[in-house]
PDB file of N, CA and C in Angstrom:
ATOM      1  N   UNK A   1     -17.899  -1.696 -18.496  1.00  0.00           N
ATOM      2  CA  UNK A   1     -17.808  -1.965 -17.480  1.00  0.00           C
ATOM      3  C   UNK A   1     -15.947  -2.003 -17.390  1.00  0.00           C
ATOM      4  N   UNK A   2     -15.274  -1.903 -16.528  1.00  0.00           N
ATOM      5  CA  UNK A   2     -13.948  -1.732 -16.610  1.00  0.00           C
ATOM      6  C   UNK A   2     -13.080  -3.143 -15.874  1.00  0.00           C
ATOM      7  N   UNK A   3     -12.120  -2.984 -16.677  1.00  0.00           N
ATOM      8  CA  UNK A   3     -11.556  -4.640 -16.193  1.00  0.00           C
ATOM      9  C   UNK A   3     -11.181  -4.405 -15.121  1.00  0.00           C
ATOM     10  N   UNK A   4     -11.563  -5.705 -14.433  1.00  0.00           N
ATOM     11  CA  UNK A   4     -11.336  -6.099 -12.999  1.00  0.00           C
ATOM     12  C   UNK A   4     -10.009  -6.745 -12.972  1.00  0.00           C
ATOM     13  N   UNK A   5      -9.212  -6.547 -12.403  1.00  0.00           N
ATOM     14  CA  UNK A   5      -8.047  -7.405 -12.031  1.00  0.00           C
ATOM     15  C   UNK A   5      -8.641  -8.646 -11.268  1.00  0.00           C
ATOM     16  N   UNK A   6      -7.941 -10.219 -11.782  1.00  0.00           N
ATOM     17  CA  UNK A   6      -8.639 -11.163 -11.044  1.00  0.00           C
ATOM     18  C   UNK A   6      -8.251 -11.218  -9.656  1.00  0.00           C
ATOM     19  N   UNK A   7      -8.749 -11.707  -8.986  1.00  0.00           N
ATOM     20  CA  UNK A   7      -8.291 -11.752  -7.547  1.00  0.00           C
ATOM     21  C   UNK A   7      -8.038 -13.044  -7.217  1.00  0.00           C
ATOM     22  N   UNK A   8      -6.952 -13.558  -6.129  1.00  0.00           N
ATOM     23  CA  UNK A   8      -6.140 -14.363  -5.784  1.00  0.00           C
ATOM     24  C   UNK A   8      -5.795 -14.582  -4.760  1.00  0.00           C
ATOM     25  N   UNK A   9      -5.559 -15.752  -4.235  1.00  0.00           N
ATOM     26  CA  UNK A   9      -5.226 -15.303  -2.491  1.00  0.00           C
ATOM     27  C   UNK A   9      -4.061 -15.112  -2.255  1.00  0.00           C
ATOM     28  N   UNK A  10      -3.642 -14.272  -0.993  1.00  0.00           N
ATOM     29  CA  UNK A  10      -2.072 -13.953  -0.760  1.00  0.00           C
ATOM     30  C   UNK A  10      -0.982 -15.574  -0.954  1.00  0.00           C
ATOM     31  N   UNK A  11      -0.127 -14.812  -1.476  1.00  0.00           N
ATOM     32  CA  UNK A  11       1.210 -15.989  -1.404  1.00  0.00           C
ATOM     33  C   UNK A  11       1.426 -16.057   0.208  1.00  0.00           C
ATOM     34  N   UNK A  12       1.979 -17.292   0.383  1.00  0.00           N
ATOM     35  CA  UNK A  12       1.832 -17.924   1.838  1.00  0.00           C
ATOM     36  C   UNK A  12       2.932 -16.867   2.542  1.00  0.00           C
ATOM     37  N   UNK A  13       2.606 -16.583   3.898  1.00  0.00           N
ATOM     38  CA  UNK A  13       2.512 -16.057   4.549  1.00  0.00           C
ATOM     39  C   UNK A  13       3.032 -16.240   5.853  1.00  0.00           C
ATOM     40  N   UNK A  14       3.741 -15.747   7.231  1.00  0.00           N
ATOM     41  CA  UNK A  14       3.778 -16.371   8.180  1.00  0.00           C
ATOM     42  C   UNK A  14       3.255 -15.287   9.307  1.00  0.00           C
ATOM     43  N   UNK A  15       2.770 -15.543  10.373  1.00  0.00           N
ATOM     44  CA  UNK A  15       2.337 -14.531  11.191  1.00  0.00           C
ATOM     45  C   UNK A  15       3.768 -14.465  12.274  1.00  0.00           C
ATOM     46  N   UNK A  16       3.611 -12.901  13.058  1.00  0.00           N
ATOM     47  CA  UNK A  16       4.911 -12.918  14.095  1.00  0.00           C
ATOM     48  C   UNK A  16       4.996 -14.150  14.635  1.00  0.00           C
ATOM     49  N   UNK A  17       3.823 -14.577  15.421  1.00  0.00           N
ATOM     50  CA  UNK A  17       3.934 -16.034  16.145  1.00  0.00           C
ATOM     51  C   UNK A  17       3.113 -17.004  16.103  1.00  0.00           C
ATOM     52  N   UNK A  18       3.236 -18.110  16.226  1.00  0.00           N
ATOM     53  CA  UNK A  18       2.292 -19.416  15.645  1.00  0.00           C
ATOM     54  C   UNK A  18       1.019 -19.114  15.866  1.00  0.00           C
ATOM     55  N   UNK A  19      -0.323 -18.933  15.592  1.00  0.00           N
ATOM     56  CA  UNK A  19      -1.747 -18.731  16.097  1.00  0.00           C
ATOM     57  C   UNK A  19      -2.312 -20.411  15.840  1.00  0.00           C
ATOM     58  N   UNK A  20      -3.321 -20.753  16.819  1.00  0.00           N
ATOM     59  CA  UNK A  20      -4.157 -21.432  16.454  1.00  0.00           C
ATOM     60  C   UNK A  20      -5.483 -21.006  15.566  1.00  0.00           C
ATOM     61  N   UNK A  21      -6.300 -21.867  15.322  1.00  0.00           N
ATOM     62  CA  UNK A  21      -7.566 -21.119  14.190  1.00  0.00           C
ATOM     63  C   UNK A  21      -8.468 -20.810  14.938  1.00  0.00           C
ATOM     64  N   UNK A  22      -8.429 -20.723  16.487  1.00  0.00           N
ATOM     65  CA  UNK A  22      -9.522 -20.413  17.135  1.00  0.00           C
ATOM     66  C   UNK A  22      -8.679 -18.503  17.074  1.00  0.00           C
ATOM     67  N   UNK A  23      -7.937 -18.492  17.379  1.00  0.00           N
ATOM     68  CA  UNK A  23      -7.125 -16.933  17.582  1.00  0.00           C
ATOM     69  C   UNK A  23      -7.176 -16.144  16.065  1.00  0.00           C
ATOM     70  N   UNK A  24      -6.611 -17.079  14.922  1.00  0.00           N
ATOM     71  CA  UNK A  24      -7.159 -16.450  13.759  1.00  0.00           C
ATOM     72  C   UNK A  24      -8.513 -15.884  13.707  1.00  0.00           C
ATOM     73  N   UNK A  25      -9.417 -16.739  14.062  1.00  0.00           N
ATOM     74  CA  UNK A  25     -10.885 -16.574  13.874  1.00  0.00           C
ATOM     75  C   UNK A  25     -11.091 -15.092  14.727  1.00  0.00           C
ATOM     76  N   UNK A  26     -10.877 -15.137  15.794  1.00  0.00           N
ATOM     77  CA  UNK A  26     -10.931 -13.854  16.530  1.00  0.00           C
ATOM     78  C   UNK A  26     -10.343 -12.606  16.030  1.00  0.00           C
ATOM     79  N   UNK A  27      -9.274 -12.651  15.645  1.00  0.00           N
ATOM     80  CA  UNK A  27      -8.371 -11.599  14.811  1.00  0.00           C
ATOM     81  C   UNK A  27      -9.532 -11.647  13.903  1.00  0.00           C
ATOM     82  N   UNK A  28      -9.663 -12.129  12.985  1.00  0.00           N
ATOM     83  CA  UNK A  28     -10.628 -11.939  12.139  1.00  0.00           C
ATOM     84  C   UNK A  28     -11.794 -11.339  11.955  1.00  0.00           C
ATOM     85  N   UNK A  29     -12.481 -11.497  13.543  1.00  0.00           N
ATOM     86  CA  UNK A  29     -13.910 -10.997  13.903  1.00  0.00           C
ATOM     87  C   UNK A  29     -13.416  -9.525  14.076  1.00  0.00           C
ATOM     88  N   UNK A  30     -12.306  -8.888  14.973  1.00  0.00           N
ATOM     89  CA  UNK A  30     -11.912  -8.222  15.874  1.00  0.00           C
ATOM     90  C   UNK A  30     -11.939  -6.755  14.355  1.00  0.00           C
ATOM     91  N   UNK A  31     -11.001  -7.363  13.114  1.00  0.00           N
ATOM     92  CA  UNK A  31     -11.077  -6.485  12.324  1.00  0.00           C
ATOM     93  C   UNK A  31     -12.323  -6.426  11.784  1.00  0.00           C
ATOM     94  N   UNK A  32     -12.996  -6.973  11.599  1.00  0.00           N
ATOM     95  CA  UNK A  32     -14.161  -6.980  10.553  1.00  0.00           C
ATOM     96  C   UNK A  32     -14.979  -5.878  11.688  1.00  0.00           C
ATOM     97  N   UNK A  33     -15.222  -6.399  12.844  1.00  0.00           N
ATOM     98  CA  UNK A  33     -15.919  -5.164  13.668  1.00  0.00           C
ATOM     99  C   UNK A  33     -15.482  -3.861  13.725  1.00  0.00           C
ATOM    100  N   UNK A  34     -14.053  -3.861  13.512  1.00  0.00           N
ATOM    101  CA  UNK A  34     -13.370  -2.567  13.742  1.00  0.00           C
ATOM    102  C   UNK A  34     -13.337  -1.501  12.360  1.00  0.00           C
ATOM    103  N   UNK A  35     -13.173  -2.355  11.501  1.00  0.00           N
ATOM    104  CA  UNK A  35     -12.599  -1.878   9.822  1.00  0.00           C
ATOM    105  C   UNK A  35     -13.578  -0.405   9.377  1.00  0.00           C
ATOM    106  N   UNK A  36     -14.943  -1.072   9.257  1.00  0.00           N
ATOM    107  CA  UNK A  36     -16.042   0.166   9.016  1.00  0.00           C
ATOM    108  C   UNK A  36     -16.137   1.608  10.041  1.00  0.00           C
ATOM    109  N   UNK A  37     -15.034   1.527  11.037  1.00  0.00           N
ATOM    110  CA  UNK A  37     -14.868   2.850  12.018  1.00  0.00           C
ATOM    111  C   UNK A  37     -14.090   3.491  11.297  1.00  0.00           C
ATOM    112  N   UNK A  38     -13.004   2.704  10.304  1.00  0.00           N
ATOM    113  CA  UNK A  38     -11.874   3.568  10.199  1.00  0.00           C
ATOM    114  C   UNK A  38     -12.331   4.694   8.528  1.00  0.00           C
ATOM    115  N   UNK A  39     -13.600   4.319   8.163  1.00  0.00           N
ATOM    116  CA  UNK A  39     -13.765   5.238   6.796  1.00  0.00           C
ATOM    117  C   UNK A  39     -14.016   3.901   5.972  1.00  0.00           C
ATOM    118  N   UNK A  40     -14.807   4.631   4.684  1.00  0.00           N
ATOM    119  CA  UNK A  40     -15.260   3.334   3.709  1.00  0.00           C
ATOM    120  C   UNK A  40     -16.678   3.548   3.766  1.00  0.00           C
ATOM    121  N   UNK A  41     -17.689   2.733   2.977  1.00  0.00           N
ATOM    122  CA  UNK A  41     -18.803   2.404   3.011  1.00  0.00           C
ATOM    123  C   UNK A  41     -19.129   0.967   3.729  1.00  0.00           C
ATOM    124  N   UNK A  42     -19.991   0.830   4.712  1.00  0.00           N
ATOM    125  CA  UNK A  42     -20.311  -0.348   5.064  1.00  0.00           C
ATOM    126  C   UNK A  42     -20.654  -1.514   4.135  1.00  0.00           C
ATOM    127  N   UNK A  43     -21.320  -1.213   2.930  1.00  0.00           N
ATOM    128  CA  UNK A  43     -21.283  -2.195   2.571  1.00  0.00           C
ATOM    129  C   UNK A  43     -20.221  -2.472   1.628  1.00  0.00           C
ATOM    130  N   UNK A  44     -19.402  -1.855   1.217  1.00  0.00           N
ATOM    131  CA  UNK A  44     -18.245  -2.291   0.544  1.00  0.00           C
ATOM    132  C   UNK A  44     -17.142  -3.103   1.719  1.00  0.00           C
ATOM    133  N   UNK A  45     -17.534  -2.850   2.804  1.00  0.00           N
ATOM    134  CA  UNK A  45     -16.473  -3.676   3.851  1.00  0.00           C
ATOM    135  C   UNK A  45     -17.521  -5.109   3.934  1.00  0.00           C
ATOM    136  N   UNK A  46     -18.342  -5.164   3.983  1.00  0.00           N
ATOM    137  CA  UNK A  46     -19.629  -6.190   3.830  1.00  0.00           C
ATOM    138  C   UNK A  46     -19.132  -7.025   2.659  1.00  0.00           C
ATOM    139  N   UNK A  47     -18.863  -6.357   1.506  1.00  0.00           N
ATOM    140  CA  UNK A  47     -18.445  -7.167   0.148  1.00  0.00           C
ATOM    141  C   UNK A  47     -17.360  -7.597   0.657  1.00  0.00           C
ATOM    142  N   UNK A  48     -16.312  -6.732   1.018  1.00  0.00           N
ATOM    143  CA  UNK A  48     -15.156  -7.557   1.196  1.00  0.00           C
ATOM    144  C   UNK A  48     -14.987  -8.778   1.611  1.00  0.00           C
ATOM    145  N   UNK A  49     -15.615  -8.881   3.283  1.00  0.00           N
ATOM    146  CA  UNK A  49     -15.537  -9.555   4.003  1.00  0.00           C
ATOM    147  C   UNK A  49     -16.310 -11.082   3.205  1.00  0.00           C
ATOM    148  N   UNK A  50     -17.309 -10.839   2.748  1.00  0.00           N
ATOM    149  CA  UNK A  50     -17.977 -11.857   1.831  1.00  0.00           C
ATOM    150  C   UNK A  50     -16.988 -12.451   0.810  1.00  0.00           C
ATOM    151  N   UNK A  51     -16.285 -11.786   0.254  1.00  0.00           N
ATOM    152  CA  UNK A  51     -15.414 -11.959  -1.069  1.00  0.00           C
ATOM    153  C   UNK A  51     -14.158 -12.712  -0.472  1.00  0.00           C
ATOM    154  N   UNK A  52     -13.738 -11.989   0.765  1.00  0.00           N
ATOM    155  CA  UNK A  52     -12.589 -13.028   1.502  1.00  0.00           C
ATOM    156  C   UNK A  52     -12.793 -13.918   2.061  1.00  0.00           C
ATOM    157  N   UNK A  53     -13.992 -14.356   2.698  1.00  0.00           N
ATOM    158  CA  UNK A  53     -14.513 -15.795   3.026  1.00  0.00           C
ATOM    159  C   UNK A  53     -14.988 -16.832   1.834  1.00  0.00           C
ATOM    160  N   UNK A  54     -15.378 -16.133   0.689  1.00  0.00           N
ATOM    161  CA  UNK A  54     -15.713 -16.924  -0.364  1.00  0.00           C
ATOM    162  C   UNK A  54     -14.493 -17.839  -1.013  1.00  0.00           C
ATOM    163  N   UNK A  55     -14.976 -18.551  -1.748  1.00  0.00           N
ATOM    164  CA  UNK A  55     -13.593 -19.216  -2.633  1.00  0.00           C
ATOM    165  C   UNK A  55     -13.649 -18.040  -3.557  1.00  0.00           C
ATOM    166  N   UNK A  56     -12.663 -17.942  -4.894  1.00  0.00           N
ATOM    167  CA  UNK A  56     -12.065 -16.749  -5.379  1.00  0.00           C
ATOM    168  C   UNK A  56     -13.310 -16.651  -6.456  1.00  0.00           C
ATOM    169  N   UNK A  57     -13.814 -17.974  -7.210  1.00  0.00           N
ATOM    170  CA  UNK A  57     -15.043 -17.642  -8.217  1.00  0.00           C
ATOM    171  C   UNK A  57     -16.055 -16.415  -7.771  1.00  0.00           C
ATOM    172  N   UNK A  58     -16.638 -17.061  -6.670  1.00  0.00           N
ATOM    173  CA  UNK A  58     -17.460 -16.678  -6.122  1.00  0.00           C
ATOM    174  C   UNK A  58     -16.951 -14.957  -5.236  1.00  0.00           C
ATOM    175  N   UNK A  59     -15.692 -14.942  -5.108  1.00  0.00           N
ATOM    176  CA  UNK A  59     -15.213 -14.030  -4.323  1.00  0.00           C
ATOM    177  C   UNK A  59     -15.117 -12.651  -5.286  1.00  0.00           C
ATOM    178  N   UNK A  60     -14.680 -13.157  -6.775  1.00  0.00           N
ATOM    179  CA  UNK A  60     -14.642 -12.141  -7.995  1.00  0.00           C
ATOM    180  C   UNK A  60     -16.005 -12.036  -8.261  1.00  0.00           C
ATOM    181  N   UNK A  61     -16.997 -12.770  -8.170  1.00  0.00           N
ATOM    182  CA  UNK A  61     -18.275 -12.084  -8.881  1.00  0.00           C
ATOM    183  C   UNK A  61     -18.754 -11.137  -7.506  1.00  0.00           C
ATOM    184  N   UNK A  62     -18.457 -11.066  -6.448  1.00  0.00           N
ATOM    185  CA  UNK A  62     -19.221 -10.184  -5.445  1.00  0.00           C
ATOM    186  C   UNK A  62     -18.043  -8.716  -5.741  1.00  0.00           C
ATOM    187  N   UNK A  63     -17.112  -9.238  -5.750  1.00  0.00           N
ATOM    188  CA  UNK A  63     -16.199  -7.362  -5.777  1.00  0.00           C
ATOM    189  C   UNK A  63     -16.638  -7.319  -6.871  1.00  0.00           C
ATOM    190  N   UNK A  64     -16.726  -7.681  -8.208  1.00  0.00           N
ATOM    191  CA  UNK A  64     -17.458  -6.801  -9.360  1.00  0.00           C
ATOM    192  C   UNK A  64     -18.895  -6.144  -9.428  1.00  0.00           C
ATOM    193  N   UNK A  65     -19.264  -6.978  -8.671  1.00  0.00           N
ATOM    194  CA  UNK A  65     -20.938  -6.376  -8.316  1.00  0.00           C
ATOM    195  C   UNK A  65     -20.812  -5.400  -7.563  1.00  0.00           C
ATOM    196  N   UNK A  66     -19.966  -5.238  -6.438  1.00  0.00           N
ATOM    197  CA  UNK A  66     -19.781  -4.341  -5.255  1.00  0.00           C
ATOM    198  C   UNK A  66     -19.188  -2.840  -6.128  1.00  0.00           C
ATOM    199  N   UNK A  67     -18.512  -2.968  -7.122  1.00  0.00           N
ATOM    200  CA  UNK A  67     -18.550  -1.862  -7.760  1.00  0.00           C
ATOM    201  C   UNK A  67     -16.328  -1.558  -6.938  1.00  0.00           C
ATOM    202  N   UNK A  68     -16.246  -2.479  -6.149  1.00  0.00           N
ATOM    203  CA  UNK A  68     -14.892  -2.467  -5.992  1.00  0.00           C
ATOM    204  C   UNK A  68     -13.556  -2.912  -7.077  1.00  0.00           C
ATOM    205  N   UNK A  69     -13.013  -1.488  -6.431  1.00  0.00           N
ATOM    206  CA  UNK A  69     -11.817  -1.660  -7.751  1.00  0.00           C
ATOM    207  C   UNK A  69     -10.703  -1.882  -6.959  1.00  0.00           C
ATOM    208  N   UNK A  70     -10.238  -3.213  -7.669  1.00  0.00           N
ATOM    209  CA  UNK A  70      -9.002  -4.319  -6.751  1.00  0.00           C
ATOM    210  C   UNK A  70      -7.834  -3.600  -7.326  1.00  0.00           C
ATOM    211  N   UNK A  71      -6.838  -3.173  -6.128  1.00  0.00           N
ATOM    212  CA  UNK A  71      -5.452  -2.119  -6.376  1.00  0.00           C
ATOM    213  C   UNK A  71      -4.506  -3.528  -6.903  1.00  0.00           C
ATOM    214  N   UNK A  72      -4.845  -4.540  -5.518  1.00  0.00           N
ATOM    215  CA  UNK A  72      -3.461  -5.222  -5.868  1.00  0.00           C
ATOM    216  C   UNK A  72      -4.666  -6.693  -5.559  1.00  0.00           C
ATOM    217  N   UNK A  73      -4.071  -7.749  -6.320  1.00  0.00           N
ATOM    218  CA  UNK A  73      -4.831  -8.780  -6.709  1.00  0.00           C
ATOM    219  C   UNK A  73      -5.340  -9.660  -5.712  1.00  0.00           C
ATOM    220  N   UNK A  74      -4.395  -9.408  -4.429  1.00  0.00           N
ATOM    221  CA  UNK A  74      -4.822 -10.388  -3.613  1.00  0.00           C
ATOM    222  C   UNK A  74      -5.735 -10.040  -2.250  1.00  0.00           C
ATOM    223  N   UNK A  75      -6.213  -8.395  -2.578  1.00  0.00           N
ATOM    224  CA  UNK A  75      -7.406  -8.098  -2.168  1.00  0.00           C
ATOM    225  C   UNK A  75      -7.160  -7.178  -0.743  1.00  0.00           C
ATOM    226  N   UNK A  76      -5.358  -7.263  -0.946  1.00  0.00           N
ATOM    227  CA  UNK A  76      -4.955  -6.378   0.290  1.00  0.00           C
ATOM    228  C   UNK A  76      -5.314  -4.515   0.328  1.00  0.00           C
ATOM    229  N   UNK A  77      -4.973  -4.236  -0.914  1.00  0.00           N
ATOM    230  CA  UNK A  77      -5.616  -2.838  -1.039  1.00  0.00           C
ATOM    231  C   UNK A  77      -6.895  -2.724  -2.294  1.00  0.00           C
ATOM    232  N   UNK A  78      -7.608  -1.806  -1.525  1.00  0.00           N
ATOM    233  CA  UNK A  78      -8.616  -2.006  -2.682  1.00  0.00           C
ATOM    234  C   UNK A  78      -9.539  -0.602  -2.641  1.00  0.00           C
ATOM    235  N   UNK A  79     -10.125  -0.250  -3.652  1.00  0.00           N
ATOM    236  CA  UNK A  79     -10.854   0.937  -3.563  1.00  0.00           C
ATOM    237  C   UNK A  79     -12.012   0.990  -3.655  1.00  0.00           C
ATOM    238  N   UNK A  80     -13.477   1.994  -3.455  1.00  0.00           N
ATOM    239  CA  UNK A  80     -14.685   2.032  -4.084  1.00  0.00           C
ATOM    240  C   UNK A  80     -15.031   3.072  -4.705  1.00  0.00           C
ATOM    241  N   UNK A  81     -15.609   3.146  -5.690  1.00  0.00           N
ATOM    242  CA  UNK A  81     -15.956   3.865  -6.697  1.00  0.00           C
ATOM    243  C   UNK A  81     -15.697   5.605  -6.320  1.00  0.00           C
ATOM    244  N   UNK A  82     -15.570   5.763  -4.648  1.00  0.00           N
ATOM    245  CA  UNK A  82     -15.688   7.013  -4.513  1.00  0.00           C
ATOM    246  C   UNK A  82     -14.414   7.535  -4.162  1.00  0.00           C
ATOM    247  N   UNK A  83     -13.447   6.520  -4.609  1.00  0.00           N
ATOM    248  CA  UNK A  83     -11.730   6.599  -4.318  1.00  0.00           C
ATOM    249  C   UNK A  83     -11.707   6.615  -2.809  1.00  0.00           C
ATOM    250  N   UNK A  84     -12.415   5.564  -1.685  1.00  0.00           N
ATOM    251  CA  UNK A  84     -11.884   5.766  -0.804  1.00  0.00           C
ATOM    252  C   UNK A  84     -11.303   4.454  -0.939  1.00  0.00           C
ATOM    253  N   UNK A  85     -10.446   4.321   0.198  1.00  0.00           N
ATOM    254  CA  UNK A  85      -9.178   3.168   0.162  1.00  0.00           C
ATOM    255  C   UNK A  85      -9.574   2.097   1.296  1.00  0.00           C
ATOM    256  N   UNK A  86      -9.648   0.706   1.084  1.00  0.00           N
ATOM    257  CA  UNK A  86     -10.288  -0.052   1.895  1.00  0.00           C
ATOM    258  C   UNK A  86      -8.848  -1.264   2.384  1.00  0.00           C
ATOM    259  N   UNK A  87      -8.060  -1.417   3.230  1.00  0.00           N
ATOM    260  CA  UNK A  87      -6.634  -2.281   3.146  1.00  0.00           C
ATOM    261  C   UNK A  87      -7.212  -3.333   3.991  1.00  0.00           C
ATOM    262  N   UNK A  88      -7.031  -4.446   3.520  1.00  0.00           N
ATOM    263  CA  UNK A  88      -6.920  -5.565   4.360  1.00  0.00           C
ATOM    264  C   UNK A  88      -5.666  -6.559   4.802  1.00  0.00           C
ATOM    265  N   UNK A  89      -5.563  -7.063   6.191  1.00  0.00           N
ATOM    266  CA  UNK A  89      -4.554  -7.821   6.040  1.00  0.00           C
ATOM    267  C   UNK A  89      -4.704  -8.820   5.867  1.00  0.00           C
ATOM    268  N   UNK A  90      -3.374  -9.530   5.668  1.00  0.00           N
ATOM    269  CA  UNK A  90      -3.659 -10.911   5.304  1.00  0.00           C
ATOM    270  C   UNK A  90      -4.057 -11.781   5.818  1.00  0.00           C
ATOM    271  N   UNK A  91      -4.260 -11.743   7.016  1.00  0.00           N
ATOM    272  CA  UNK A  91      -4.805 -13.165   7.978  1.00  0.00           C
ATOM    273  C   UNK A  91      -6.274 -12.909   7.912  1.00  0.00           C
ATOM    274  N   UNK A  92      -7.055 -12.201   7.109  1.00  0.00           N
ATOM    275  CA  UNK A  92      -8.355 -12.270   6.606  1.00  0.00           C
ATOM    276  C   UNK A  92      -8.558 -12.811   5.836  1.00  0.00           C
ATOM    277  N   UNK A  93      -7.522 -12.744   4.885  1.00  0.00           N
ATOM    278  CA  UNK A  93      -7.597 -13.258   3.477  1.00  0.00           C
ATOM    279  C   UNK A  93      -7.345 -14.810   3.356  1.00  0.00           C
ATOM    280  N   UNK A  94      -6.082 -15.328   4.042  1.00  0.00           N
ATOM    281  CA  UNK A  94      -5.914 -17.021   4.286  1.00  0.00           C
ATOM    282  C   UNK A  94      -4.956 -17.100   5.467  1.00  0.00           C
ATOM    283  N   UNK A  95      -5.052 -18.302   5.525  1.00  0.00           N
ATOM    284  CA  UNK A  95      -4.168 -18.587   6.878  1.00  0.00           C
ATOM    285  C   UNK A  95      -2.499 -18.504   6.857  1.00  0.00           C
ATOM    286  N   UNK A  96      -2.110 -18.201   7.541  1.00  0.00           N
ATOM    287  CA  UNK A  96      -0.819 -18.309   7.874  1.00  0.00           C
ATOM    288  C   UNK A  96      -0.017 -19.773   7.489  1.00  0.00           C
ATOM    289  N   UNK A  97       1.333 -19.585   7.264  1.00  0.00           N
ATOM    290  CA  UNK A  97       2.044 -20.995   7.347  1.00  0.00           C
ATOM    291  C   UNK A  97       2.183 -21.527   8.628  1.00  0.00           C
ATOM    292  N   UNK A  98       2.249 -21.102   9.143  1.00  0.00           N
ATOM    293  CA  UNK A  98       2.631 -21.276  11.141  1.00  0.00           C
ATOM    294  C   UNK A  98       1.011 -21.693  12.015  1.00  0.00           C
ATOM    295  N   UNK A  99       0.194 -21.758  11.269  1.00  0.00           N
ATOM    296  CA  UNK A  99      -0.895 -22.038  11.933  1.00  0.00           C
ATOM    297  C   UNK A  99      -0.982 -23.283  12.780  1.00  0.00           C
ATOM    298  N   UNK A 100      -1.740 -23.167  14.037  1.00  0.00           N
ATOM    299  CA  UNK A 100      -1.523 -24.471  14.391  1.00  0.00           C
ATOM    300  C   UNK A 100      -2.330 -25.264  14.404  1.00  0.00           C
ATOM    301  N   UNK A 101      -2.194 -26.450  14.485  1.00  0.00           N
ATOM    302  CA  UNK A 101      -3.165 -27.582  13.958  1.00  0.00           C
ATOM    303  C   UNK A 101      -3.960 -27.720  15.341  1.00  0.00           C
ATOM    304  N   UNK A 102      -4.962 -27.710  15.747  1.00  0.00           N
ATOM    305  CA  UNK A 102      -5.790 -28.302  17.141  1.00  0.00           C
ATOM    306  C   UNK A 102      -6.060 -28.969  17.000  1.00  0.00           C
ATOM    307  N   UNK A 103      -5.868 -30.088  17.956  1.00  0.00           N
ATOM    308  CA  UNK A 103      -6.168 -31.421  18.122  1.00  0.00           C
ATOM    309  C   UNK A 103      -7.744 -31.591  18.617  1.00  0.00           C
TER     310      UNK A 103
END
């Protein structure tokens, strides 16, 4: 088995405009619904989504068992064993610093 990079959450980041948790969830759902249409294998997209939504230990186990080649440790760029590229926006991996707390 190849050395896999240890994954981590992206560095703190700010969205272009403040988002509510609901807006963030909608953006994430939209990304995951459309991502497979841009190429790559659905199983890998599913594994990346599961890894993105899990804690780091479980996320690591998911990408390792799916054979995902992690290019950037925050999961923003990954490849599968066939060399297909998977790019994930930060908003599916962590929350922005300017998230609006809904009451």
